[in-house]
C-alpha atoms as a PDB file:
ATOM      1  CA  MET A   1      68.036  56.056  39.988  1.00  0.00           C
ATOM      2  CA  LYS A   2      64.370  56.022  39.024  1.00  0.00           C
ATOM      3  CA  GLU A   3      64.559  59.685  38.058  1.00  0.00           C
ATOM      4  CA  LYS A   4      67.286  58.959  35.493  1.00  0.00           C
ATOM      5  CA  LEU A   5      65.098  56.332  33.824  1.00  0.00           C
ATOM      6  CA  LYS A   6      62.060  58.619  33.939  1.00  0.00           C
ATOM      7  CA  GLU A   7      64.024  61.510  32.432  1.00  0.00           C
ATOM      8  CA  HIS A   8      65.433  59.226  29.729  1.00  0.00           C
ATOM      9  CA  ILE A   9      62.001  57.957  28.704  1.00  0.00           C
ATOM     10  CA  GLY A  10      60.573  61.485  28.938  1.00  0.00           C
ATOM     11  CA  LYS A  11      63.001  62.710  26.274  1.00  0.00           C
ATOM     12  CA  THR A  12      61.234  60.470  23.752  1.00  0.00           C
ATOM     13  CA  ILE A  13      57.611  60.155  24.915  1.00  0.00           C
ATOM     14  CA  SER A  14      55.473  61.961  27.475  1.00  0.00           C
ATOM     15  CA  ILE A  15      54.469  59.903  30.505  1.00  0.00           C
ATOM     16  CA  SER A  16      52.540  60.656  33.653  1.00  0.00           C
ATOM     17  CA  ASP A  17      53.748  59.810  37.141  1.00  0.00           C
ATOM     18  CA  ASP A  18      51.272  56.920  37.286  1.00  0.00           C
ATOM     19  CA  GLU A  19      52.485  55.596  33.948  1.00  0.00           C
ATOM     20  CA  PHE A  20      56.076  55.796  35.127  1.00  0.00           C
ATOM     21  CA  THR A  21      55.225  53.862  38.296  1.00  0.00           C
ATOM     22  CA  PHE A  22      53.768  51.164  36.050  1.00  0.00           C
ATOM     23  CA  ILE A  23      56.786  51.280  33.703  1.00  0.00           C
ATOM     24  CA  VAL A  24      59.449  51.058  36.393  1.00  0.00           C
ATOM     25  CA  SER A  25      57.672  48.069  37.970  1.00  0.00           C
ATOM     26  CA  HIS A  26      58.760  46.089  34.888  1.00  0.00           C
ATOM     27  CA  PHE A  27      62.457  46.843  35.442  1.00  0.00           C
ATOM     28  CA  THR A  28      64.989  45.542  37.945  1.00  0.00           C
ATOM     29  CA  LEU A  29      67.817  47.692  39.303  1.00  0.00           C
ATOM     30  CA  GLU A  30      71.104  45.769  39.235  1.00  0.00           C
ATOM     31  CA  ASN A  31      74.672  46.582  40.242  1.00  0.00           C
ATOM     32  CA  TYR A  32      77.778  44.956  38.799  1.00  0.00           C
ATOM     33  CA  LYS A  33      81.474  45.219  39.563  1.00  0.00           C
ATOM     34  CA  LYS A  34      84.253  45.890  37.068  1.00  0.00           C
ATOM     35  CA  ASN A  35      84.875  42.750  34.927  1.00  0.00           C
ATOM     36  CA  ASP A  36      81.498  41.171  35.805  1.00  0.00           C
ATOM     37  CA  PHE A  37      79.520  39.706  32.906  1.00  0.00           C
ATOM     38  CA  LEU A  38      75.882  40.610  32.315  1.00  0.00           C
ATOM     39  CA  ILE A  39      75.761  38.221  29.342  1.00  0.00           C
ATOM     40  CA  GLN A  40      78.153  35.421  28.491  1.00  0.00           C
ATOM     41  CA  GLU A  41      78.527  33.912  25.053  1.00  0.00           C
ATOM     42  CA  GLY A  42      76.487  30.725  24.729  1.00  0.00           C
ATOM     43  CA  GLU A  43      73.922  31.676  27.388  1.00  0.00           C
ATOM     44  CA  HIS A  44      70.285  32.500  26.682  1.00  0.00           C
ATOM     45  CA  VAL A  45      69.695  36.245  26.638  1.00  0.00           C
ATOM     46  CA  ASN A  46      66.673  37.168  28.689  1.00  0.00           C
ATOM     47  CA  HIS A  47      67.426  40.811  29.487  1.00  0.00           C
ATOM     48  CA  CYS A  48      68.134  44.146  27.896  1.00  0.00           C
ATOM     49  CA  TYR A  49      69.970  46.798  29.927  1.00  0.00           C
ATOM     50  CA  TYR A  50      69.682  50.550  30.369  1.00  0.00           C
ATOM     51  CA  VAL A  51      72.915  51.973  31.810  1.00  0.00           C
ATOM     52  CA  ILE A  52      72.430  54.306  34.779  1.00  0.00           C
ATOM     53  CA  SER A  53      76.144  54.585  35.583  1.00  0.00           C
ATOM     54  CA  GLY A  54      79.277  52.813  34.476  1.00  0.00           C
ATOM     55  CA  LEU A  55      80.558  51.424  31.221  1.00  0.00           C
ATOM     56  CA  LEU A  56      80.036  48.148  29.329  1.00  0.00           C
ATOM     57  CA  LYS A  57      81.630  46.457  26.345  1.00  0.00           C
ATOM     58  CA  LEU A  58      79.903  44.064  23.961  1.00  0.00           C
ATOM     59  CA  ILE A  59      82.457  41.454  22.875  1.00  0.00           C
ATOM     60  CA  PHE A  60      82.581  38.975  20.006  1.00  0.00           C
ATOM     61  CA  ASN A  61      85.226  36.249  19.961  1.00  0.00           C
ATOM     62  CA  ASP A  62      85.981  35.014  16.452  1.00  0.00           C
ATOM     63  CA  LYS A  63      86.759  31.389  15.550  1.00  0.00           C
ATOM     64  CA  ASN A  64      90.480  32.087  16.027  1.00  0.00           C
ATOM     65  CA  GLY A  65      89.878  33.312  19.574  1.00  0.00           C
ATOM     66  CA  LYS A  66      90.495  36.961  18.775  1.00  0.00           C
ATOM     67  CA  GLN A  67      88.324  39.341  20.791  1.00  0.00           C
ATOM     68  CA  HIS A  68      86.492  42.127  18.945  1.00  0.00           C
ATOM     69  CA  ILE A  69      84.708  45.017  20.642  1.00  0.00           C
ATOM     70  CA  VAL A  70      81.334  45.394  18.923  1.00  0.00           C
ATOM     71  CA  SER A  71      80.215  48.359  21.003  1.00  0.00           C
ATOM     72  CA  PHE A  72      80.578  50.300  24.209  1.00  0.00           C
ATOM     73  CA  ALA A  73      77.627  51.373  26.334  1.00  0.00           C
ATOM     74  CA  MET A  74      77.824  54.181  28.855  1.00  0.00           C
ATOM     75  CA  GLU A  75      75.321  56.212  30.823  1.00  0.00           C
ATOM     76  CA  ASP A  76      71.936  56.709  29.142  1.00  0.00           C
ATOM     77  CA  TRP A  77      72.544  53.910  26.595  1.00  0.00           C
ATOM     78  CA  TRP A  78      70.805  50.566  26.070  1.00  0.00           C
ATOM     79  CA  GLU A  79      72.736  47.361  25.438  1.00  0.00           C
ATOM     80  CA  SER A  80      72.289  43.630  24.986  1.00  0.00           C
ATOM     81  CA  ASP A  81      72.940  40.970  22.398  1.00  0.00           C
ATOM     82  CA  PHE A  82      69.782  42.207  20.708  1.00  0.00           C
ATOM     83  CA  SER A  83      69.586  39.413  18.163  1.00  0.00           C
ATOM     84  CA  ALA A  84      69.589  36.797  20.929  1.00  0.00           C
ATOM     85  CA  TYR A  85      67.277  38.923  23.122  1.00  0.00           C
ATOM     86  CA  PHE A  86      64.570  39.361  20.488  1.00  0.00           C
ATOM     87  CA  LYS A  87      64.897  35.847  19.074  1.00  0.00           C
ATOM     88  CA  GLN A  88      65.183  34.405  22.605  1.00  0.00           C
ATOM     89  CA  THR A  89      68.248  32.376  21.659  1.00  0.00           C
ATOM     90  CA  LYS A  90      71.749  31.871  22.975  1.00  0.00           C
ATOM     91  CA  SER A  91      74.176  34.751  22.738  1.00  0.00           C
ATOM     92  CA  ASN A  92      76.994  34.940  20.209  1.00  0.00           C
ATOM     93  CA  MET A  93      78.549  37.735  22.266  1.00  0.00           C
ATOM     94  CA  SER A  94      79.365  38.660  25.844  1.00  0.00           C
ATOM     95  CA  LEU A  95      78.505  41.854  27.702  1.00  0.00           C
ATOM     96  CA  GLN A  96      81.061  42.813  30.337  1.00  0.00           C
ATOM     97  CA  CYS A  97      81.640  45.721  32.728  1.00  0.00           C
ATOM     98  CA  ILE A  98      84.646  47.945  32.123  1.00  0.00           C
ATOM     99  CA  GLU A  99      83.748  49.896  35.282  1.00  0.00           C
ATOM    100  CA  ASP A 100      81.461  49.266  38.241  1.00  0.00           C
ATOM    101  CA  THR A 101      78.058  49.592  36.590  1.00  0.00           C
ATOM    102  CA  CYS A 102      74.450  50.172  37.622  1.00  0.00           C
ATOM    103  CA  VAL A 103      71.714  49.207  35.161  1.00  0.00           C
ATOM    104  CA  TYR A 104      67.981  48.811  34.891  1.00  0.00           C
ATOM    105  CA  SER A 105      67.266  45.459  33.260  1.00  0.00           C
ATOM    106  CA  ILE A 106      64.065  44.423  31.581  1.00  0.00           C
ATOM    107  CA  SER A 107      63.244  40.826  30.789  1.00  0.00           C
ATOM    108  CA  PHE A 108      61.915  39.942  27.372  1.00  0.00           C
ATOM    109  CA  LYS A 109      58.630  38.899  28.978  1.00  0.00           C
ATOM    110  CA  ASN A 110      58.296  42.288  30.717  1.00  0.00           C
ATOM    111  CA  TYR A 111      59.348  44.088  27.532  1.00  0.00           C
ATOM    112  CA  GLN A 112      56.478  42.420  25.662  1.00  0.00           C
ATOM    113  CA  LYS A 113      54.024  42.997  28.507  1.00  0.00           C
ATOM    114  CA  LEU A 114      54.943  46.665  28.840  1.00  0.00           C
ATOM    115  CA  SER A 115      54.753  47.212  25.073  1.00  0.00           C
ATOM    116  CA  THR A 116      51.304  45.593  24.932  1.00  0.00           C
ATOM    117  CA  GLU A 117      49.805  47.235  28.007  1.00  0.00           C
ATOM    118  CA  LEU A 118      51.224  50.712  27.395  1.00  0.00           C
ATOM    119  CA  PRO A 119      51.496  51.253  23.604  1.00  0.00           C
ATOM    120  CA  LYS A 120      53.464  54.478  23.988  1.00  0.00           C
ATOM    121  CA  MET A 121      56.283  52.339  25.454  1.00  0.00           C
ATOM    122  CA  GLU A 122      56.225  50.221  22.327  1.00  0.00           C
ATOM    123  CA  ARG A 123      56.814  53.456  20.408  1.00  0.00           C
ATOM    124  CA  PHE A 124      59.618  54.401  22.827  1.00  0.00           C
ATOM    125  CA  PHE A 125      61.341  51.033  22.318  1.00  0.00           C
ATOM    126  CA  LEU A 126      60.870  51.301  18.545  1.00  0.00           C
ATOM    127  CA  LEU A 127      62.488  54.730  18.418  1.00  0.00           C
ATOM    128  CA  LYS A 128      65.395  53.509  20.573  1.00  0.00           C
ATOM    129  CA  SER A 129      65.764  50.530  18.264  1.00  0.00           C
ATOM    130  CA  HIS A 130      65.859  52.836  15.232  1.00  0.00           C
ATOM    131  CA  SER A 131      68.615  54.908  16.847  1.00  0.00           C
ATOM    132  CA  GLY A 132      70.654  51.793  17.564  1.00  0.00           C
ATOM    133  CA  HIS A 133      70.186  50.493  14.036  1.00  0.00           C
ATOM    134  CA  ILE A 134      71.294  53.807  12.556  1.00  0.00           C
ATOM    135  CA  ALA A 135      74.384  53.872  14.798  1.00  0.00           C
ATOM    136  CA  SER A 136      75.282  50.314  13.743  1.00  0.00           C
ATOM    137  CA  GLN A 137      74.966  51.195  10.063  1.00  0.00           C
ATOM    138  CA  GLN A 138      77.094  54.307  10.548  1.00  0.00           C
ATOM    139  CA  ARG A 139      79.786  52.194  12.217  1.00  0.00           C
ATOM    140  CA  ILE A 140      79.761  49.704   9.332  1.00  0.00           C
ATOM    141  CA  LEU A 141      79.977  52.551   6.809  1.00  0.00           C
ATOM    142  CA  SER A 142      82.885  54.092   8.699  1.00  0.00           C
ATOM    143  CA  PHE A 143      84.792  50.814   8.284  1.00  0.00           C
ATOM    144  CA  LEU A 144      83.983  50.804   4.563  1.00  0.00           C
ATOM    145  CA  ASN A 145      84.633  54.484   3.849  1.00  0.00           C
ATOM    146  CA  SER A 146      87.234  55.629   6.384  1.00  0.00           C
ATOM    147  CA  ASN A 147      90.770  54.675   7.135  1.00  0.00           C
ATOM    148  CA  ALA A 148      91.844  53.836  10.692  1.00  0.00           C
ATOM    149  CA  LYS A 149      93.013  57.384  11.456  1.00  0.00           C
ATOM    150  CA  GLU A 150      89.675  58.820  10.288  1.00  0.00           C
ATOM    151  CA  ARG A 151      87.736  56.276  12.413  1.00  0.00           C
ATOM    152  CA  TYR A 152      89.859  57.274  15.401  1.00  0.00           C
ATOM    153  CA  GLU A 153      89.111  60.974  14.842  1.00  0.00           C
ATOM    154  CA  GLN A 154      85.384  60.300  14.374  1.00  0.00           C
ATOM    155  CA  LEU A 155      85.246  58.372  17.645  1.00  0.00           C
ATOM    156  CA  LEU A 156      87.254  61.047  19.468  1.00  0.00           C
ATOM    157  CA  ASN A 157      84.925  63.787  18.198  1.00  0.00           C
ATOM    158  CA  GLN A 158      81.739  61.852  18.867  1.00  0.00           C
ATOM    159  CA  TYR A 159      82.599  60.329  22.269  1.00  0.00           C
ATOM    160  CA  PRO A 160      85.616  62.102  23.790  1.00  0.00           C
ATOM    161  CA  SER A 161      84.875  60.737  27.277  1.00  0.00           C
ATOM    162  CA  LEU A 162      85.518  57.185  26.061  1.00  0.00           C
ATOM    163  CA  PHE A 163      89.196  58.060  25.644  1.00  0.00           C
ATOM    164  CA  GLN A 164      89.392  58.883  29.361  1.00  0.00           C
ATOM    165  CA  ARG A 165      87.491  55.780  30.494  1.00  0.00           C
ATOM    166  CA  VAL A 166      88.451  52.954  28.141  1.00  0.00           C
ATOM    167  CA  PRO A 167      91.883  51.273  28.064  1.00  0.00           C
ATOM    168  CA  LYS A 168      93.721  51.832  24.789  1.00  0.00           C
ATOM    169  CA  THR A 169      93.782  48.105  24.005  1.00  0.00           C
ATOM    170  CA  LEU A 170      89.967  48.082  23.995  1.00  0.00           C
ATOM    171  CA  LEU A 171      89.753  51.245  21.897  1.00  0.00           C
ATOM    172  CA  ALA A 172      92.187  49.677  19.433  1.00  0.00           C
ATOM    173  CA  SER A 173      90.016  46.554  19.217  1.00  0.00           C
ATOM    174  CA  TYR A 174      86.907  48.665  18.636  1.00  0.00           C
ATOM    175  CA  LEU A 175      88.639  50.635  15.874  1.00  0.00           C
ATOM    176  CA  GLY A 176      90.136  47.529  14.284  1.00  0.00           C
ATOM    177  CA  VAL A 177      93.752  48.601  14.754  1.00  0.00           C
ATOM    178  CA  SER A 178      96.713  47.488  16.835  1.00  0.00           C
ATOM    179  CA  ARG A 179      97.529  49.124  20.166  1.00  0.00           C
ATOM    180  CA  GLU A 180     100.693  50.519  18.595  1.00  0.00           C
ATOM    181  CA  THR A 181      98.754  52.120  15.728  1.00  0.00           C
ATOM    182  CA  LEU A 182      96.349  53.703  18.190  1.00  0.00           C
ATOM    183  CA  SER A 183      99.303  55.124  20.139  1.00  0.00           C
ATOM    184  CA  ARG A 184     100.623  56.743  16.953  1.00  0.00           C
ATOM    185  CA  PHE A 185      97.220  58.374  16.366  1.00  0.00           C
ATOM    186  CA  SER A 186      97.061  59.809  19.858  1.00  0.00           C
ATOM    187  CA  SER A 187     100.587  61.248  19.889  1.00  0.00           C
END
């Protein structure tokens, strides 16, 4: 498990074995079962998660009780309610396992400590944050510029494995379409 985290960090910044030993000491390895929650709406968010194995969904429930999938997170991805994590507030969303999932979690306190004591990790986290921000903007633009069929095709081309791992009702929620509409796209 440690090697996956080391390889992931090493794709962005160079680190020595000693630096990695220091880095990994700030993380906690955690295992969750399918349907477990890592974050529940209304709770304080103290951790950010790096997915080693498994699959997560970030959920927002609107005022009418309708569930919206904000994002999926699979292997080699980071996820949290980042607004609540960085502001150290209560979550507006929930983070739940779609599959049995293994993650490395880092508390906000350890995130700050690691960023201060090893500045190259601050750069690593910044670059990861940039990537996430870009992906979020691209998703928003796809809703503004693409019809449902085009969003479906973009998702299929970009993340084909999601279609094997995620129930169609969740994919439909993520794409902003009904289950029936999604079935028409996939036939």
